[in-house]
Amino acid sequence: MRQTSAAIALALVAVLCAAALTACGSAAGTAASSGAAPAATASPVADVAGVTLIMDWVPWVLDIPVDVAQQQGYYAAHGLTVRQQIPATATDVPKFVSVGRAQFGLYYAPDTLQSVAAGAPLVSVAALMSHAPVGMAMAPGVHASKPADLEGTTAGVVMVPSTRASFATMLEAGGVDPSKVKVADPGFDLVPPLLAGRYQSVAVTQFGELVEADLAGQRLDYLDFRDWGTPDYAFLDLVSQQGFAARHPATVRAFVAATMQGLDWAVAHPGQAVALYVKRHPELKAGLLLAQWKAAMPSMATGGGHVTGWQDVAGWQALDRWMVRTRQIKAPVDVAGVVTDRYLPTR
């Protein structure tokens, strides 16, 4: 899994106290654009041409829509030059977006609410992945259909507050005494220790590590956190700074529209989308990436009778309540001020 650590709050408090939060929105950069640009339409055109998008920790499957938007020329067609930046630390996304070093970021819903609770002026302007297929995968030969089956075992659960809270919620929902399950931090390279049996179960993404194990010939038992008390939520979203979004709505609309075009195209052309992505990231395995992207597609923010990128505010509110109950945040966040669909393309 690619998520941020509990250091978010302390880092944000420090940087927000020192910053004026004046995102100028003029970060220069170069767009990697190849292939035919889309035909001109009456779509929104940015008033800030050069923007920076701070990505996830390392290249992985959920970055595909962004690279498609770059390679297919969708950003350029909306008047944008987008610089993609890989963060150096886990807290870079909320910090950089908050102080204007990046105008946009890829970020996870629980971490967004944590950051806002710590004082970050973030706003989620679109969903990329609108569901959260995360849970516990069992090691080869270990079988489980309910949380009670984990009693007496060692579970690998990364030191991410939302993941740890989901695991604790699952045990509670299943009536399991937490003292009967040993919990260890497996790090972030999850599949090798899981397949080696170092842990009897490991918290994974269903579309990521579980697919990787499957391609390695291991069909593993899996318990989805959403079946055991964790609310479903928008796993990955596009975030911006509230002030920047208010001052430059045309730029936000243009950026969102281009990224959603990339998402729609990647879902409609999975093989071509993966080929474009692997061309930029040849260190990745095309076969694994294609299987992961196909597994992720049903959870992406497309279809369902809504415009691509639509955000379920009720889902965010349920997530907020759960995070308060599990003490990930001290008090409820004003979700209405953090989540908006006003920048999404209209049908």
Foldseek 3Di string as FASTA:
>chain_A
DFAFFPCQLVVLLVLVVVAPQDAPLADADAFQEADAADDADPAFAFPHAEFEEEETQDDAQLCLLVLLLRHRVLLVSRNHGYHYHHDPHRNCFLSCQQRNVGFKYKHFLVVLQLNVLSPRQKAFQFFFFFWFFKWKWFEFPQDDDAPVSQFQWEEAFANHVVRVLLNVLRCVQRVHDVVRYHYDHPDDPPQVCRNVPVGRIYMDHCLANCLVVVVVVGNTHTDGSCVRGQFIGRGITMMHGPVVCVVTVSNLLSVQASSLVSSVVCLVPVLVSLVSVCVVVVVDDSVSSSSSNVVRNVRTQDDPPDARRDGDLVSSQSNQVSCCVSVVHVDGDPSVSHYDNPSYDDD
